[in-house]
């Protein structure tokens, strides 16, 4: 964590973001949208980094999760709402 004026900046490792993205589709989509916005409107360095991450890590692409995982998540959600 670093101080940036009156705010704090928290650095998160790419490996941790990948783990979160694999576990939660909402998180994956949010990260993908953030990276896409940086590619479009970021500084040259932000664009470079965002493009590299999007290129190297398929979970951040806009594709949907594999069907097996989707069914597993639906099953878990059903069990949670039935209780």
Protein backbone atom coordinates (compact mmCIF):
# COMPACT_ATOMS: atom_id res chain seq x y z
CA UNK A 1 0.00 0.00 0.00
CA UNK A 2 1.26 3.48 -0.79
CA UNK A 3 0.03 6.95 0.00
CA UNK A 4 -1.10 9.10 -2.93
CA UNK A 5 -2.06 12.52 -1.60
CA UNK A 6 -5.02 12.12 0.78
CA UNK A 7 -5.74 8.63 -0.64
CA UNK A 8 -4.06 5.25 -0.51
CA UNK A 9 -3.12 3.07 -3.47
CA UNK A 10 -3.28 -0.69 -3.03
CA UNK A 11 -1.22 -2.87 -5.33
CA UNK A 12 -2.60 -6.32 -6.14
CA UNK A 13 -0.47 -8.99 -7.80
CA UNK A 14 -1.65 -10.24 -11.20
CA UNK A 15 -1.65 -13.79 -9.82
CA UNK A 16 -4.13 -12.72 -7.14
CA UNK A 17 -6.33 -11.01 -9.74
CA UNK A 18 -6.28 -14.18 -11.85
CA UNK A 19 -7.35 -16.27 -8.87
CA UNK A 20 -10.21 -13.87 -8.10
CA UNK A 21 -11.25 -13.79 -11.76
CA UNK A 22 -11.39 -17.59 -11.93
CA UNK A 23 -13.58 -17.75 -8.83
CA UNK A 24 -16.08 -15.00 -9.64
CA UNK A 25 -17.41 -14.01 -13.06
CA UNK A 26 -18.46 -10.56 -11.82
CA UNK A 27 -14.92 -9.85 -10.68
CA UNK A 28 -13.56 -11.13 -14.01
CA UNK A 29 -15.88 -8.85 -15.98
CA UNK A 30 -15.04 -5.85 -13.79
CA UNK A 31 -11.31 -6.39 -14.26
CA UNK A 32 -11.78 -6.87 -18.01
CA UNK A 33 -13.79 -3.62 -18.25
CA UNK A 34 -11.14 -1.76 -16.26
CA UNK A 35 -8.34 -3.05 -18.49
CA UNK A 36 -10.33 -2.25 -21.63
CA UNK A 37 -10.90 1.30 -20.39
CA UNK A 38 -7.16 1.67 -19.75
CA UNK A 39 -6.40 0.47 -23.28
CA UNK A 40 -8.75 3.12 -24.68
CA UNK A 41 -8.14 6.07 -22.35
CA UNK A 42 -5.01 5.36 -20.32
CA UNK A 43 -1.57 6.86 -20.53
CA UNK A 44 0.80 5.21 -23.01
CA UNK A 45 2.31 3.12 -20.17
CA UNK A 46 -1.15 2.11 -18.86
CA UNK A 47 -2.17 1.10 -22.38
CA UNK A 48 0.95 -0.99 -22.80
CA UNK A 49 0.45 -2.82 -19.50
CA UNK A 50 -3.32 -3.35 -20.00
CA UNK A 51 -2.80 -4.70 -23.53
CA UNK A 52 -0.11 -7.07 -22.27
CA UNK A 53 -2.35 -8.40 -19.48
CA UNK A 54 -5.33 -8.86 -21.82
CA UNK A 55 -3.13 -10.66 -24.34
CA UNK A 56 -1.42 -12.97 -21.84
CA UNK A 57 -4.34 -13.90 -19.58
CA UNK A 58 -7.45 -15.36 -21.24
CA UNK A 59 -9.67 -15.06 -18.11
CA UNK A 60 -9.75 -11.30 -18.73
CA UNK A 61 -11.07 -11.68 -22.25
CA UNK A 62 -14.79 -11.11 -22.80
CA UNK A 63 -15.63 -14.79 -23.33
CA UNK A 64 -18.01 -16.60 -20.99
CA UNK A 65 -16.79 -19.30 -18.60
CA UNK A 66 -16.69 -22.92 -19.79
CA UNK A 67 -20.09 -24.67 -19.61
CA UNK A 68 -18.99 -27.16 -16.93
CA UNK A 69 -18.01 -24.37 -14.55
CA UNK A 70 -21.23 -22.48 -15.29
CA UNK A 71 -23.29 -25.55 -14.33
CA UNK A 72 -21.23 -26.04 -11.18
CA UNK A 73 -21.85 -22.42 -10.16
CA UNK A 74 -25.58 -22.74 -10.88
CA UNK A 75 -25.68 -25.88 -8.72
CA UNK A 76 -23.91 -24.12 -5.85
CA UNK A 77 -26.21 -21.09 -6.11
CA UNK A 78 -29.27 -23.36 -6.08
CA UNK A 79 -28.03 -25.12 -2.96
CA UNK A 80 -27.39 -21.81 -1.21
CA UNK A 81 -30.82 -20.39 -2.01
CA UNK A 82 -32.64 -23.60 -0.99
CA UNK A 83 -31.44 -23.37 2.60
